[in-house]
N, C-alpha and C. Protein backbone atom coordinates (compact mmCIF):
# COMPACT_ATOMS: atom_id res chain seq x y z
N UNK A 1 1.54 10.47 36.12
CA UNK A 1 0.23 9.86 35.96
C UNK A 1 0.13 9.30 34.54
N UNK A 2 -0.26 8.06 34.41
CA UNK A 2 -0.35 7.41 33.11
C UNK A 2 -1.80 7.37 32.64
N UNK A 3 -1.98 7.41 31.36
CA UNK A 3 -3.30 7.40 30.75
C UNK A 3 -3.97 6.04 30.88
N UNK A 4 -5.28 6.04 30.83
CA UNK A 4 -6.07 4.81 30.79
C UNK A 4 -6.15 4.25 29.38
N UNK A 5 -5.64 5.00 28.39
CA UNK A 5 -5.75 4.62 26.99
C UNK A 5 -4.39 4.28 26.41
N UNK A 6 -4.42 3.42 25.38
CA UNK A 6 -3.22 3.13 24.61
C UNK A 6 -3.06 4.21 23.55
N UNK A 7 -1.84 4.42 23.07
CA UNK A 7 -1.65 5.42 22.02
C UNK A 7 -2.25 4.94 20.70
N UNK A 8 -2.52 5.88 19.80
CA UNK A 8 -2.88 5.45 18.44
C UNK A 8 -1.80 4.50 17.92
N UNK A 9 -2.20 3.52 17.14
CA UNK A 9 -1.27 2.46 16.73
C UNK A 9 -0.05 3.00 16.01
N UNK A 10 -0.20 4.06 15.26
CA UNK A 10 0.94 4.56 14.48
C UNK A 10 1.95 5.32 15.34
N UNK A 11 1.67 5.52 16.62
CA UNK A 11 2.62 6.14 17.55
C UNK A 11 3.39 5.12 18.39
N UNK A 12 3.00 3.86 18.36
CA UNK A 12 3.53 2.86 19.29
C UNK A 12 5.05 2.88 19.43
N UNK A 13 5.76 3.00 18.33
CA UNK A 13 7.23 2.95 18.38
C UNK A 13 7.87 4.32 18.54
N UNK A 14 7.06 5.35 18.71
CA UNK A 14 7.59 6.72 18.72
C UNK A 14 7.18 7.54 19.93
N UNK A 15 6.78 6.90 21.03
CA UNK A 15 6.40 7.68 22.20
C UNK A 15 7.17 7.22 23.43
N UNK A 16 7.40 8.20 24.30
CA UNK A 16 8.00 7.95 25.61
C UNK A 16 7.18 8.70 26.65
N UNK A 17 7.34 8.27 27.90
CA UNK A 17 6.58 8.85 29.00
C UNK A 17 7.49 9.22 30.16
N UNK A 18 8.76 9.45 29.90
CA UNK A 18 9.73 9.58 30.98
C UNK A 18 9.99 11.00 31.48
N UNK A 19 9.41 12.01 30.86
CA UNK A 19 9.59 13.37 31.34
C UNK A 19 8.36 13.76 32.16
N UNK A 20 8.49 13.66 33.45
CA UNK A 20 7.36 13.81 34.37
C UNK A 20 6.57 15.12 34.18
N UNK A 21 7.27 16.19 33.83
CA UNK A 21 6.57 17.48 33.70
C UNK A 21 5.49 17.47 32.62
N UNK A 22 5.60 16.57 31.63
CA UNK A 22 4.62 16.52 30.56
C UNK A 22 3.40 15.65 30.90
N UNK A 23 3.44 14.97 32.01
CA UNK A 23 2.41 13.97 32.28
C UNK A 23 1.67 14.19 33.60
N UNK A 24 1.67 15.41 34.05
CA UNK A 24 0.90 15.76 35.25
C UNK A 24 -0.54 16.04 34.85
N UNK A 25 -1.44 15.70 35.72
CA UNK A 25 -2.86 16.06 35.57
C UNK A 25 -3.47 15.62 34.24
N UNK A 26 -3.24 14.38 33.86
CA UNK A 26 -3.89 13.83 32.67
C UNK A 26 -5.35 13.55 33.00
N UNK A 27 -6.23 13.96 32.12
CA UNK A 27 -7.67 13.77 32.32
C UNK A 27 -8.06 12.32 32.07
N UNK A 28 -9.18 11.90 32.63
CA UNK A 28 -9.65 10.52 32.49
C UNK A 28 -9.83 10.07 31.05
N UNK A 29 -10.20 10.99 30.16
CA UNK A 29 -10.46 10.63 28.76
C UNK A 29 -9.29 10.98 27.84
N UNK A 30 -8.11 11.20 28.42
CA UNK A 30 -6.96 11.68 27.65
C UNK A 30 -5.85 10.65 27.56
N UNK A 31 -5.20 10.61 26.38
CA UNK A 31 -3.92 9.94 26.23
C UNK A 31 -2.91 11.03 25.89
N UNK A 32 -1.72 10.92 26.45
CA UNK A 32 -0.67 11.89 26.17
C UNK A 32 0.66 11.15 26.06
N UNK A 33 1.48 11.56 25.09
CA UNK A 33 2.80 10.96 24.91
C UNK A 33 3.76 11.94 24.27
N UNK A 34 5.05 11.76 24.56
CA UNK A 34 6.08 12.58 23.93
C UNK A 34 6.67 11.81 22.76
N UNK A 35 6.76 12.47 21.61
CA UNK A 35 7.29 11.84 20.41
C UNK A 35 8.82 11.81 20.47
N UNK A 36 9.37 10.66 20.07
CA UNK A 36 10.81 10.49 19.92
C UNK A 36 11.05 9.78 18.61
N UNK A 37 12.19 10.04 18.01
CA UNK A 37 12.52 9.39 16.74
C UNK A 37 13.12 8.01 16.99
N UNK A 38 13.39 7.27 15.93
CA UNK A 38 14.05 5.97 16.06
C UNK A 38 15.43 6.10 16.66
N UNK A 39 16.06 7.27 16.49
CA UNK A 39 17.38 7.55 17.06
C UNK A 39 17.26 8.12 18.48
N UNK A 40 16.05 8.11 19.03
CA UNK A 40 15.75 8.63 20.38
C UNK A 40 15.89 10.14 20.50
N UNK A 41 15.86 10.84 19.39
CA UNK A 41 15.91 12.30 19.43
C UNK A 41 14.51 12.84 19.72
N UNK A 42 14.47 14.03 20.33
CA UNK A 42 13.20 14.61 20.74
C UNK A 42 13.00 16.05 20.26
N UNK A 43 13.80 16.48 19.30
CA UNK A 43 13.64 17.82 18.72
C UNK A 43 13.21 17.66 17.27
N UNK A 44 12.12 18.37 16.93
CA UNK A 44 11.53 18.21 15.61
C UNK A 44 11.12 19.54 15.00
N UNK A 45 11.09 19.53 13.69
CA UNK A 45 10.40 20.56 12.92
C UNK A 45 9.09 19.92 12.48
N UNK A 46 8.08 20.72 12.24
CA UNK A 46 6.77 20.20 11.85
C UNK A 46 6.47 20.65 10.42
N UNK A 47 6.29 19.68 9.52
CA UNK A 47 5.89 20.03 8.16
C UNK A 47 4.48 19.49 7.94
N UNK A 48 3.76 20.22 7.08
CA UNK A 48 2.35 19.85 6.96
C UNK A 48 1.73 20.29 5.65
N UNK A 49 0.62 19.64 5.37
CA UNK A 49 -0.33 20.09 4.36
C UNK A 49 -1.58 20.48 5.14
N UNK A 50 -2.10 21.66 4.87
CA UNK A 50 -3.32 22.10 5.53
C UNK A 50 -3.36 23.61 5.56
N UNK A 51 -4.38 24.13 6.19
CA UNK A 51 -4.50 25.56 6.43
C UNK A 51 -4.19 25.83 7.89
N UNK A 52 -3.77 27.05 8.18
CA UNK A 52 -3.45 27.43 9.55
C UNK A 52 -4.51 28.39 10.06
N UNK A 53 -5.12 28.05 11.19
CA UNK A 53 -5.97 29.00 11.89
C UNK A 53 -5.02 29.88 12.70
N UNK A 54 -4.68 31.02 12.15
CA UNK A 54 -3.64 31.88 12.70
C UNK A 54 -3.85 32.25 14.17
N UNK A 55 -5.07 32.58 14.54
CA UNK A 55 -5.32 32.99 15.93
C UNK A 55 -5.00 31.90 16.94
N UNK A 56 -5.03 30.63 16.48
CA UNK A 56 -4.83 29.51 17.40
C UNK A 56 -3.59 28.69 17.11
N UNK A 57 -2.87 29.01 16.01
CA UNK A 57 -1.76 28.17 15.56
C UNK A 57 -2.19 26.71 15.46
N UNK A 58 -3.28 26.52 14.74
CA UNK A 58 -3.91 25.21 14.64
C UNK A 58 -4.01 24.82 13.18
N UNK A 59 -3.51 23.64 12.83
CA UNK A 59 -3.53 23.15 11.45
C UNK A 59 -4.87 22.45 11.20
N UNK A 60 -5.56 22.87 10.13
CA UNK A 60 -6.86 22.29 9.80
C UNK A 60 -6.90 21.90 8.32
N UNK A 61 -7.97 21.24 7.93
CA UNK A 61 -8.17 20.83 6.55
C UNK A 61 -8.24 22.05 5.65
N UNK A 62 -7.88 21.84 4.39
CA UNK A 62 -8.11 22.87 3.37
C UNK A 62 -9.49 22.62 2.76
N UNK A 63 -9.89 23.50 1.86
CA UNK A 63 -11.15 23.26 1.14
C UNK A 63 -11.04 22.04 0.24
N UNK A 64 -9.81 21.66 -0.13
CA UNK A 64 -9.59 20.55 -1.05
C UNK A 64 -9.47 19.20 -0.36
N UNK A 65 -8.73 19.15 0.75
CA UNK A 65 -8.39 17.84 1.32
C UNK A 65 -8.07 17.95 2.82
N UNK A 66 -8.05 16.81 3.50
CA UNK A 66 -7.72 16.80 4.92
C UNK A 66 -6.24 17.08 5.18
N UNK A 67 -5.96 17.50 6.39
CA UNK A 67 -4.59 17.84 6.77
C UNK A 67 -3.71 16.59 6.86
N UNK A 68 -2.41 16.82 6.75
CA UNK A 68 -1.40 15.78 6.85
C UNK A 68 -0.22 16.42 7.56
N UNK A 69 0.23 15.81 8.68
CA UNK A 69 1.22 16.46 9.53
C UNK A 69 2.32 15.46 9.91
N UNK A 70 3.58 15.88 9.76
CA UNK A 70 4.73 15.06 10.12
C UNK A 70 5.66 15.83 11.05
N UNK A 71 6.28 15.11 11.97
CA UNK A 71 7.39 15.63 12.77
C UNK A 71 8.66 15.16 12.07
N UNK A 72 9.62 16.08 11.89
CA UNK A 72 10.87 15.75 11.20
C UNK A 72 12.01 15.91 12.20
N UNK A 73 12.70 14.80 12.50
CA UNK A 73 13.83 14.81 13.43
C UNK A 73 14.88 15.79 12.89
N UNK A 74 15.28 16.78 13.70
CA UNK A 74 16.21 17.80 13.23
C UNK A 74 17.62 17.25 13.02
N UNK A 75 17.95 16.12 13.64
CA UNK A 75 19.29 15.54 13.48
C UNK A 75 19.36 14.54 12.34
N UNK A 76 18.34 13.69 12.19
CA UNK A 76 18.43 12.61 11.21
C UNK A 76 17.54 12.82 9.99
N UNK A 77 16.55 13.70 10.09
CA UNK A 77 15.61 13.90 9.00
C UNK A 77 14.48 12.87 8.96
N UNK A 78 14.48 11.93 9.91
CA UNK A 78 13.41 10.94 9.96
C UNK A 78 12.06 11.65 10.09
N UNK A 79 11.09 11.18 9.32
CA UNK A 79 9.75 11.76 9.35
C UNK A 79 8.81 10.82 10.09
N UNK A 80 8.09 11.37 11.06
CA UNK A 80 7.14 10.59 11.86
C UNK A 80 5.75 11.17 11.63
N UNK A 81 4.85 10.34 11.17
CA UNK A 81 3.48 10.77 10.93
C UNK A 81 2.82 11.13 12.26
N UNK A 82 2.32 12.37 12.35
CA UNK A 82 1.58 12.79 13.53
C UNK A 82 0.08 12.66 13.31
N UNK A 83 -0.37 13.00 12.10
CA UNK A 83 -1.79 12.93 11.82
C UNK A 83 -2.04 12.94 10.32
N UNK A 84 -2.90 12.04 9.86
CA UNK A 84 -3.36 12.02 8.48
C UNK A 84 -4.88 12.07 8.52
N UNK A 85 -5.43 13.23 8.18
CA UNK A 85 -6.87 13.42 8.22
C UNK A 85 -7.64 12.56 7.24
N UNK A 86 -6.96 11.91 6.31
CA UNK A 86 -7.64 11.00 5.38
C UNK A 86 -7.74 9.60 5.96
N UNK A 87 -7.00 9.30 7.03
CA UNK A 87 -6.98 7.96 7.61
C UNK A 87 -7.39 7.93 9.08
N UNK A 88 -7.06 8.97 9.81
CA UNK A 88 -7.23 8.94 11.26
C UNK A 88 -8.39 9.81 11.69
N UNK A 89 -9.07 9.37 12.68
CA UNK A 89 -10.20 10.11 13.20
C UNK A 89 -11.51 9.42 12.87
N UNK A 90 -12.46 9.63 13.70
CA UNK A 90 -13.77 9.01 13.57
C UNK A 90 -14.38 9.25 12.19
N UNK A 91 -14.45 10.52 11.77
CA UNK A 91 -15.09 10.83 10.49
C UNK A 91 -14.35 10.20 9.32
N UNK A 92 -13.03 10.25 9.34
CA UNK A 92 -12.25 9.70 8.23
C UNK A 92 -12.28 8.18 8.20
N UNK A 93 -12.50 7.57 9.34
CA UNK A 93 -12.56 6.11 9.39
C UNK A 93 -13.96 5.57 9.09
N UNK A 94 -14.99 6.32 9.48
CA UNK A 94 -16.35 5.78 9.39
C UNK A 94 -17.32 6.56 8.50
N UNK A 95 -16.99 7.78 8.14
CA UNK A 95 -17.98 8.62 7.43
C UNK A 95 -17.48 9.18 6.11
N UNK A 96 -16.38 9.91 6.13
CA UNK A 96 -15.92 10.67 4.97
C UNK A 96 -15.12 9.81 4.00
N UNK A 97 -15.33 10.02 2.73
CA UNK A 97 -14.52 9.36 1.72
C UNK A 97 -13.77 10.43 0.94
N UNK A 98 -12.64 10.01 0.36
CA UNK A 98 -11.78 10.94 -0.35
C UNK A 98 -11.37 10.35 -1.69
N UNK A 99 -11.18 11.21 -2.67
CA UNK A 99 -10.72 10.75 -3.98
C UNK A 99 -9.23 10.45 -3.89
N UNK A 100 -8.72 9.71 -4.86
CA UNK A 100 -7.28 9.44 -4.92
C UNK A 100 -6.50 10.76 -4.99
N UNK A 101 -7.04 11.72 -5.73
CA UNK A 101 -6.37 13.01 -5.85
C UNK A 101 -6.30 13.72 -4.49
N UNK A 102 -7.35 13.66 -3.71
CA UNK A 102 -7.33 14.29 -2.39
C UNK A 102 -6.32 13.62 -1.47
N UNK A 103 -6.14 12.34 -1.61
CA UNK A 103 -5.22 11.62 -0.73
C UNK A 103 -3.78 11.82 -1.18
N UNK A 104 -3.52 11.79 -2.48
CA UNK A 104 -2.14 11.84 -2.97
C UNK A 104 -1.63 13.24 -3.27
N UNK A 105 -2.53 14.20 -3.46
CA UNK A 105 -2.10 15.55 -3.83
C UNK A 105 -2.16 16.49 -2.62
N UNK A 106 -1.39 16.14 -1.59
CA UNK A 106 -1.30 16.99 -0.40
C UNK A 106 0.19 17.28 -0.14
N UNK A 107 0.75 18.21 -0.89
CA UNK A 107 2.18 18.48 -0.76
C UNK A 107 2.54 19.03 0.62
N UNK A 108 3.59 18.48 1.18
CA UNK A 108 4.05 18.89 2.51
C UNK A 108 5.05 20.04 2.35
N UNK A 109 4.55 21.19 1.96
CA UNK A 109 5.42 22.33 1.65
C UNK A 109 5.48 23.38 2.76
N UNK A 110 4.64 23.25 3.76
CA UNK A 110 4.59 24.26 4.82
C UNK A 110 5.32 23.75 6.06
N UNK A 111 6.03 24.68 6.71
CA UNK A 111 6.71 24.37 7.97
C UNK A 111 6.07 25.22 9.07
N UNK A 112 5.78 24.58 10.18
CA UNK A 112 5.13 25.27 11.29
C UNK A 112 6.14 26.09 12.08
N UNK A 113 5.73 27.29 12.46
CA UNK A 113 6.49 28.13 13.40
C UNK A 113 5.47 28.76 14.34
N UNK A 114 5.83 28.90 15.60
CA UNK A 114 4.89 29.49 16.55
C UNK A 114 4.90 31.02 16.46
N UNK A 115 4.14 31.66 17.29
CA UNK A 115 4.01 33.13 17.26
C UNK A 115 5.32 33.85 17.57
N UNK A 116 6.28 33.14 18.14
CA UNK A 116 7.57 33.74 18.48
C UNK A 116 8.63 33.44 17.44
N UNK A 117 8.25 32.73 16.37
CA UNK A 117 9.18 32.40 15.30
C UNK A 117 9.94 31.10 15.53
N UNK A 118 9.68 30.41 16.62
CA UNK A 118 10.35 29.13 16.87
C UNK A 118 9.83 28.08 15.90
N UNK A 119 10.74 27.27 15.37
CA UNK A 119 10.34 26.24 14.43
C UNK A 119 10.85 24.85 14.80
N UNK A 120 11.45 24.72 15.98
CA UNK A 120 11.95 23.44 16.47
C UNK A 120 11.33 23.19 17.83
N UNK A 121 10.80 21.98 18.01
CA UNK A 121 10.00 21.70 19.20
C UNK A 121 10.21 20.29 19.73
N UNK A 122 9.96 20.11 21.02
CA UNK A 122 9.63 18.81 21.57
C UNK A 122 8.15 18.65 21.28
N UNK A 123 7.72 17.46 20.87
CA UNK A 123 6.33 17.26 20.48
C UNK A 123 5.62 16.39 21.53
N UNK A 124 4.64 16.99 22.17
CA UNK A 124 3.79 16.28 23.12
C UNK A 124 2.41 16.18 22.47
N UNK A 125 1.94 14.97 22.28
CA UNK A 125 0.64 14.76 21.67
C UNK A 125 -0.36 14.46 22.78
N UNK A 126 -1.48 15.15 22.73
CA UNK A 126 -2.56 14.95 23.69
C UNK A 126 -3.83 14.67 22.90
N UNK A 127 -4.47 13.54 23.20
CA UNK A 127 -5.67 13.12 22.48
C UNK A 127 -6.76 12.85 23.50
N UNK A 128 -7.94 13.38 23.22
CA UNK A 128 -9.08 13.15 24.09
C UNK A 128 -10.02 12.15 23.44
N UNK A 129 -10.30 11.08 24.15
CA UNK A 129 -11.20 10.04 23.68
C UNK A 129 -12.58 10.31 24.27
N UNK A 130 -13.34 11.14 23.57
CA UNK A 130 -14.64 11.54 24.11
C UNK A 130 -15.81 11.02 23.28
N UNK A 131 -15.57 9.99 22.49
CA UNK A 131 -16.64 9.34 21.75
C UNK A 131 -17.04 8.10 22.54
N UNK A 132 -18.31 7.88 22.73
CA UNK A 132 -18.80 6.70 23.45
C UNK A 132 -18.82 5.52 22.49
N UNK A 133 -17.68 4.82 22.39
CA UNK A 133 -17.58 3.72 21.45
C UNK A 133 -18.42 2.52 21.86
N UNK A 134 -18.71 2.35 23.14
CA UNK A 134 -19.57 1.25 23.54
C UNK A 134 -20.91 1.34 22.81
N UNK A 135 -21.44 2.54 22.72
CA UNK A 135 -22.71 2.76 22.03
C UNK A 135 -22.51 2.76 20.51
N UNK A 136 -21.46 3.42 20.03
CA UNK A 136 -21.21 3.55 18.60
C UNK A 136 -20.91 2.20 17.94
N UNK A 137 -20.17 1.34 18.63
CA UNK A 137 -19.73 0.10 18.01
C UNK A 137 -20.90 -0.81 17.64
N UNK A 138 -21.98 -0.76 18.38
CA UNK A 138 -23.14 -1.60 18.06
C UNK A 138 -23.58 -1.40 16.61
N UNK A 139 -23.48 -0.17 16.14
CA UNK A 139 -23.90 0.16 14.79
C UNK A 139 -22.93 -0.36 13.72
N UNK A 140 -21.65 -0.49 14.05
CA UNK A 140 -20.63 -0.76 13.04
C UNK A 140 -20.04 -2.18 13.07
N UNK A 141 -20.19 -2.91 14.17
CA UNK A 141 -19.57 -4.23 14.27
C UNK A 141 -20.21 -5.24 13.32
N UNK A 142 -19.36 -6.05 12.68
CA UNK A 142 -19.88 -7.15 11.86
C UNK A 142 -20.01 -8.40 12.73
N UNK A 143 -20.37 -9.52 12.12
CA UNK A 143 -20.58 -10.76 12.88
C UNK A 143 -19.31 -11.29 13.53
N UNK A 144 -18.13 -10.85 13.07
CA UNK A 144 -16.86 -11.27 13.66
C UNK A 144 -16.34 -10.29 14.71
N UNK A 145 -17.14 -9.27 15.03
CA UNK A 145 -16.72 -8.28 16.01
C UNK A 145 -15.72 -7.28 15.46
N UNK A 146 -15.70 -7.14 14.13
CA UNK A 146 -14.79 -6.20 13.47
C UNK A 146 -15.60 -5.08 12.84
N UNK A 147 -14.88 -4.06 12.37
CA UNK A 147 -15.52 -2.89 11.77
C UNK A 147 -14.98 -2.70 10.36
N UNK A 148 -15.88 -2.48 9.40
CA UNK A 148 -15.44 -2.14 8.05
C UNK A 148 -15.41 -0.63 7.93
N UNK A 149 -14.23 -0.09 7.65
CA UNK A 149 -14.06 1.35 7.49
C UNK A 149 -14.57 1.78 6.12
N UNK A 150 -14.78 3.07 5.93
CA UNK A 150 -15.26 3.56 4.63
C UNK A 150 -14.26 3.25 3.52
N UNK A 151 -13.00 3.05 3.87
CA UNK A 151 -11.97 2.69 2.89
C UNK A 151 -12.11 1.24 2.42
N UNK A 152 -12.94 0.45 3.13
CA UNK A 152 -13.07 -0.97 2.82
C UNK A 152 -12.21 -1.85 3.71
N UNK A 153 -11.28 -1.23 4.42
CA UNK A 153 -10.41 -1.98 5.33
C UNK A 153 -11.22 -2.50 6.51
N UNK A 154 -10.93 -3.73 6.93
CA UNK A 154 -11.56 -4.34 8.09
C UNK A 154 -10.58 -4.24 9.26
N UNK A 155 -11.04 -3.67 10.38
CA UNK A 155 -10.17 -3.51 11.55
C UNK A 155 -10.89 -3.99 12.80
N UNK A 156 -10.11 -4.23 13.83
CA UNK A 156 -10.68 -4.62 15.12
C UNK A 156 -11.33 -3.40 15.78
N UNK A 157 -12.23 -3.66 16.70
CA UNK A 157 -12.85 -2.57 17.46
C UNK A 157 -11.78 -1.80 18.23
N UNK A 158 -10.77 -2.51 18.73
CA UNK A 158 -9.68 -1.86 19.47
C UNK A 158 -8.94 -0.86 18.60
N UNK A 159 -8.63 -1.25 17.36
CA UNK A 159 -7.93 -0.32 16.46
C UNK A 159 -8.79 0.89 16.15
N UNK A 160 -10.07 0.69 15.96
CA UNK A 160 -10.97 1.82 15.71
C UNK A 160 -10.92 2.80 16.87
N UNK A 161 -10.99 2.31 18.08
CA UNK A 161 -10.97 3.19 19.26
C UNK A 161 -9.63 3.91 19.36
N UNK A 162 -8.52 3.20 19.14
CA UNK A 162 -7.20 3.80 19.27
C UNK A 162 -6.92 4.87 18.22
N UNK A 163 -7.40 4.65 17.00
CA UNK A 163 -7.11 5.60 15.92
C UNK A 163 -8.29 6.50 15.59
N UNK A 164 -9.41 6.33 16.29
CA UNK A 164 -10.61 7.09 16.01
C UNK A 164 -10.66 8.41 16.75
N UNK A 165 -9.56 9.11 16.77
CA UNK A 165 -9.50 10.39 17.44
C UNK A 165 -10.17 11.46 16.62
N UNK A 166 -10.35 12.60 17.17
CA UNK A 166 -11.08 13.68 16.53
C UNK A 166 -10.18 14.40 15.51
N UNK A 167 -10.76 14.75 14.38
CA UNK A 167 -10.05 15.55 13.38
C UNK A 167 -10.81 16.84 13.17
N UNK A 168 -10.14 17.84 12.67
CA UNK A 168 -10.76 19.17 12.54
C UNK A 168 -10.82 19.63 11.10
N UNK A 169 -12.00 19.98 10.67
CA UNK A 169 -12.19 20.59 9.36
C UNK A 169 -12.15 22.11 9.57
N UNK A 170 -11.85 22.82 8.51
CA UNK A 170 -11.75 24.27 8.64
C UNK A 170 -13.10 24.96 8.54
N UNK A 171 -14.16 24.24 8.19
CA UNK A 171 -15.45 24.90 8.05
C UNK A 171 -16.26 24.95 9.32
C-alpha cells in the first residue's frame, strides 16, 4: 500500500518502498519510507544531538536546542539527515526561531542503541500529516501563493506541507 503523500523533500533520494512487510496498513494521513544510502545500503547507525526519553527510546529537544538526527551507513559512512528540529516541522518552519549558537552548537556525539543493545538498524520513517494545511495556509500565503518561513526563506505551499511534519520538544 502506497501513501497519499510525498516524502519530505530531503528524503527524496534516500527512500525505497520495495520491502512489502514495511508498507502494510499505512494510514490515510501517513507517509512511510525505508531509508537507503547512495550506495543502496540499508543498515545504519543513528547519531544524534538531543535528549533521550528513556522509557520510549525517543530522541527529543534539549533545554538548549532542537534535536538533530542522522543515519550513518555502516559500510560507507555516508550520513543521511533524518531530522533537523531547527529546520523541519511546523513549529520550526512557522513559529520558533533559533540563535546561530543553537543551530551550530549541536554536537552529534550520541549514538542510539535500543533496549537490547542493538545499534545497527534498517530505518523505516513514518510521518503523520495531521495538520489541516488547507485552513492553515490561508494565514501564511503571500500574494504569489508562497510562504515566508520564520528563517526568512520563501517556499512553496507544497514544500511547507512536505517538510512541515511534527517535531517534539522535551517539555
